[in-house]
Amino acid sequence: REILEYMLGYYSQLRPHHYNGGLAPNETERRYWLGYKDVAKIS
């Protein structure tokens, strides 16, 4: 169980992904929401 949690945590949250421009999923999501808030202010 601990190994599974480690793998899911690392690969799903921390490991850079090629399709994300080399960013970790958490960083990609953070940047998305920053951009979303900026668009929401304009609308």
PDB file of N, CA and C in Angstrom:
ATOM      1  N   ARG A   1       0.828  -1.194   0.000  1.00  0.00           N
ATOM      2  CA  ARG A   1       0.000   0.000   0.000  1.00  0.00           C
ATOM      3  C   ARG A   1       0.872   1.257   0.000  1.00  0.00           C
ATOM      4  N   GLU A   2       1.915   1.285   0.804  1.00  0.00           N
ATOM      5  CA  GLU A   2       2.780   2.459   0.866  1.00  0.00           C
ATOM      6  C   GLU A   2       3.499   2.689  -0.458  1.00  0.00           C
ATOM      7  N   ILE A   3       3.880   1.600  -1.108  1.00  0.00           N
ATOM      8  CA  ILE A   3       4.542   1.726  -2.409  1.00  0.00           C
ATOM      9  C   ILE A   3       3.569   2.317  -3.427  1.00  0.00           C
ATOM     10  N   LEU A   4       2.340   1.852  -3.416  1.00  0.00           N
ATOM     11  CA  LEU A   4       1.329   2.372  -4.330  1.00  0.00           C
ATOM     12  C   LEU A   4       1.091   3.861  -4.084  1.00  0.00           C
ATOM     13  N   GLU A   5       0.987   4.263  -2.828  1.00  0.00           N
ATOM     14  CA  GLU A   5       0.794   5.675  -2.501  1.00  0.00           C
ATOM     15  C   GLU A   5       1.971   6.515  -2.974  1.00  0.00           C
ATOM     16  N   TYR A   6       3.177   5.999  -2.797  1.00  0.00           N
ATOM     17  CA  TYR A   6       4.363   6.715  -3.263  1.00  0.00           C
ATOM     18  C   TYR A   6       4.329   6.882  -4.779  1.00  0.00           C
ATOM     19  N   MET A   7       4.046   5.788  -5.472  1.00  0.00           N
ATOM     20  CA  MET A   7       4.046   5.841  -6.938  1.00  0.00           C
ATOM     21  C   MET A   7       2.972   6.784  -7.464  1.00  0.00           C
ATOM     22  N   LEU A   8       1.786   6.701  -6.914  1.00  0.00           N
ATOM     23  CA  LEU A   8       0.717   7.591  -7.360  1.00  0.00           C
ATOM     24  C   LEU A   8       1.042   9.042  -7.027  1.00  0.00           C
ATOM     25  N   GLY A   9       1.593   9.270  -5.864  1.00  0.00           N
ATOM     26  CA  GLY A   9       1.964  10.627  -5.477  1.00  0.00           C
ATOM     27  C   GLY A   9       3.056  11.195  -6.355  1.00  0.00           C
ATOM     28  N   TYR A  10       4.049  10.386  -6.652  1.00  0.00           N
ATOM     29  CA  TYR A  10       5.170  10.866  -7.467  1.00  0.00           C
ATOM     30  C   TYR A  10       4.767  11.036  -8.922  1.00  0.00           C
ATOM     31  N   TYR A  11       4.195  10.010  -9.497  1.00  0.00           N
ATOM     32  CA  TYR A  11       3.895  10.055 -10.928  1.00  0.00           C
ATOM     33  C   TYR A  11       2.698  10.940 -11.249  1.00  0.00           C
ATOM     34  N   SER A  12       1.775  11.069 -10.339  1.00  0.00           N
ATOM     35  CA  SER A  12       0.585  11.864 -10.618  1.00  0.00           C
ATOM     36  C   SER A  12       0.741  13.327 -10.215  1.00  0.00           C
ATOM     37  N   GLN A  13       1.664  13.618  -9.310  1.00  0.00           N
ATOM     38  CA  GLN A  13       1.740  14.975  -8.787  1.00  0.00           C
ATOM     39  C   GLN A  13       3.079  15.651  -9.012  1.00  0.00           C
ATOM     40  N   LEU A  14       4.170  14.934  -8.855  1.00  0.00           N
ATOM     41  CA  LEU A  14       5.477  15.572  -8.829  1.00  0.00           C
ATOM     42  C   LEU A  14       6.301  15.375 -10.090  1.00  0.00           C
ATOM     43  N   ARG A  15       6.164  14.237 -10.733  1.00  0.00           N
ATOM     44  CA  ARG A  15       7.018  13.917 -11.875  1.00  0.00           C
ATOM     45  C   ARG A  15       6.659  14.784 -13.074  1.00  0.00           C
ATOM     46  N   PRO A  16       7.645  15.429 -13.681  1.00  0.00           N
ATOM     47  CA  PRO A  16       7.366  16.220 -14.888  1.00  0.00           C
ATOM     48  C   PRO A  16       6.847  15.328 -16.018  1.00  0.00           C
ATOM     49  N   HIS A  17       5.901  15.835 -16.758  1.00  0.00           N
ATOM     50  CA  HIS A  17       5.312  15.096 -17.866  1.00  0.00           C
ATOM     51  C   HIS A  17       5.590  15.826 -19.167  1.00  0.00           C
ATOM     52  N   HIS A  18       5.940  15.075 -20.192  1.00  0.00           N
ATOM     53  CA  HIS A  18       6.281  15.649 -21.496  1.00  0.00           C
ATOM     54  C   HIS A  18       5.111  16.444 -22.080  1.00  0.00           C
ATOM     55  N   TYR A  19       3.904  15.916 -21.985  1.00  0.00           N
ATOM     56  CA  TYR A  19       2.749  16.599 -22.583  1.00  0.00           C
ATOM     57  C   TYR A  19       2.361  17.865 -21.826  1.00  0.00           C
ATOM     58  N   ASN A  20       2.892  18.065 -20.656  1.00  0.00           N
ATOM     59  CA  ASN A  20       2.653  19.289 -19.881  1.00  0.00           C
ATOM     60  C   ASN A  20       3.773  20.290 -20.071  1.00  0.00           C
ATOM     61  N   GLY A  21       4.564  20.109 -21.085  1.00  0.00           N
ATOM     62  CA  GLY A  21       5.687  21.015 -21.303  1.00  0.00           C
ATOM     63  C   GLY A  21       6.796  20.810 -20.287  1.00  0.00           C
ATOM     64  N   GLY A  22       6.896  19.604 -19.744  1.00  0.00           N
ATOM     65  CA  GLY A  22       7.932  19.295 -18.769  1.00  0.00           C
ATOM     66  C   GLY A  22       7.579  19.709 -17.353  1.00  0.00           C
ATOM     67  N   LEU A  23       6.330  20.085 -17.125  1.00  0.00           N
ATOM     68  CA  LEU A  23       5.894  20.489 -15.789  1.00  0.00           C
ATOM     69  C   LEU A  23       5.180  19.340 -15.091  1.00  0.00           C
ATOM     70  N   ALA A  24       5.237  19.373 -13.777  1.00  0.00           N
ATOM     71  CA  ALA A  24       4.482  18.402 -12.996  1.00  0.00           C
ATOM     72  C   ALA A  24       2.994  18.741 -13.095  1.00  0.00           C
ATOM     73  N   PRO A  25       2.121  17.749 -12.971  1.00  0.00           N
ATOM     74  CA  PRO A  25       0.685  18.014 -13.053  1.00  0.00           C
ATOM     75  C   PRO A  25       0.203  19.073 -12.060  1.00  0.00           C
ATOM     76  N   ASN A  26       0.727  19.077 -10.849  1.00  0.00           N
ATOM     77  CA  ASN A  26       0.305  20.087  -9.877  1.00  0.00           C
ATOM     78  C   ASN A  26       0.647  21.492 -10.349  1.00  0.00           C
ATOM     79  N   GLU A  27       1.826  21.668 -10.924  1.00  0.00           N
ATOM     80  CA  GLU A  27       2.236  22.980 -11.425  1.00  0.00           C
ATOM     81  C   GLU A  27       1.394  23.385 -12.629  1.00  0.00           C
ATOM     82  N   THR A  28       1.084  22.447 -13.500  1.00  0.00           N
ATOM     83  CA  THR A  28       0.236  22.733 -14.658  1.00  0.00           C
ATOM     84  C   THR A  28      -1.142  23.190 -14.204  1.00  0.00           C
ATOM     85  N   GLU A  29      -1.702  22.498 -13.223  1.00  0.00           N
ATOM     86  CA  GLU A  29      -3.020  22.868 -12.715  1.00  0.00           C
ATOM     87  C   GLU A  29      -2.978  24.233 -12.037  1.00  0.00           C
ATOM     88  N   ARG A  30      -1.926  24.500 -11.280  1.00  0.00           N
ATOM     89  CA  ARG A  30      -1.797  25.801 -10.616  1.00  0.00           C
ATOM     90  C   ARG A  30      -1.774  26.925 -11.650  1.00  0.00           C
ATOM     91  N   ARG A  31      -1.005  26.743 -12.707  1.00  0.00           N
ATOM     92  CA  ARG A  31      -0.920  27.759 -13.761  1.00  0.00           C
ATOM     93  C   ARG A  31      -2.250  27.913 -14.495  1.00  0.00           C
ATOM     94  N   TYR A  32      -2.956  26.812 -14.681  1.00  0.00           N
ATOM     95  CA  TYR A  32      -4.265  26.875 -15.333  1.00  0.00           C
ATOM     96  C   TYR A  32      -5.208  27.759 -14.526  1.00  0.00           C
ATOM     97  N   TRP A  33      -5.270  27.522 -13.222  1.00  0.00           N
ATOM     98  CA  TRP A  33      -6.207  28.283 -12.403  1.00  0.00           C
ATOM     99  C   TRP A  33      -5.798  29.745 -12.283  1.00  0.00           C
ATOM    100  N   LEU A  34      -4.512  30.043 -12.313  1.00  0.00           N
ATOM    101  CA  LEU A  34      -4.085  31.443 -12.328  1.00  0.00           C
ATOM    102  C   LEU A  34      -4.581  32.126 -13.596  1.00  0.00           C
ATOM    103  N   GLY A  35      -4.443  31.459 -14.723  1.00  0.00           N
ATOM    104  CA  GLY A  35      -4.928  32.001 -15.986  1.00  0.00           C
ATOM    105  C   GLY A  35      -6.441  32.097 -16.024  1.00  0.00           C
ATOM    106  N   TYR A  36      -7.114  31.129 -15.450  1.00  0.00           N
ATOM    107  CA  TYR A  36      -8.573  31.116 -15.413  1.00  0.00           C
ATOM    108  C   TYR A  36      -9.094  32.309 -14.633  1.00  0.00           C
ATOM    109  N   LYS A  37      -8.465  32.612 -13.514  1.00  0.00           N
ATOM    110  CA  LYS A  37      -8.886  33.755 -12.699  1.00  0.00           C
ATOM    111  C   LYS A  37      -8.693  35.059 -13.456  1.00  0.00           C
ATOM    112  N   ASP A  38      -7.609  35.161 -14.223  1.00  0.00           N
ATOM    113  CA  ASP A  38      -7.372  36.368 -15.011  1.00  0.00           C
ATOM    114  C   ASP A  38      -8.444  36.536 -16.084  1.00  0.00           C
ATOM    115  N   VAL A  39      -8.832  35.457 -16.736  1.00  0.00           N
ATOM    116  CA  VAL A  39      -9.876  35.521 -17.760  1.00  0.00           C
ATOM    117  C   VAL A  39     -11.212  35.865 -17.119  1.00  0.00           C
ATOM    118  N   ALA A  40     -11.493  35.316 -15.950  1.00  0.00           N
ATOM    119  CA  ALA A  40     -12.748  35.587 -15.262  1.00  0.00           C
ATOM    120  C   ALA A  40     -12.860  37.065 -14.891  1.00  0.00           C
ATOM    121  N   LYS A  41     -11.751  37.706 -14.557  1.00  0.00           N
ATOM    122  CA  LYS A  41     -11.771  39.127 -14.218  1.00  0.00           C
ATOM    123  C   LYS A  41     -12.109  39.978 -15.435  1.00  0.00           C
ATOM    124  N   ILE A  42     -11.656  39.554 -16.607  1.00  0.00           N
ATOM    125  CA  ILE A  42     -11.886  40.309 -17.839  1.00  0.00           C
ATOM    126  C   ILE A  42     -13.333  40.172 -18.294  1.00  0.00           C
ATOM    127  N   SER A  43     -13.906  38.993 -18.116  1.00  0.00           N
ATOM    128  CA  SER A  43     -15.273  38.722 -18.606  1.00  0.00           C
ATOM    129  C   SER A  43     -16.316  39.452 -17.810  1.00  0.00           C
TER     130      SER A  43
END
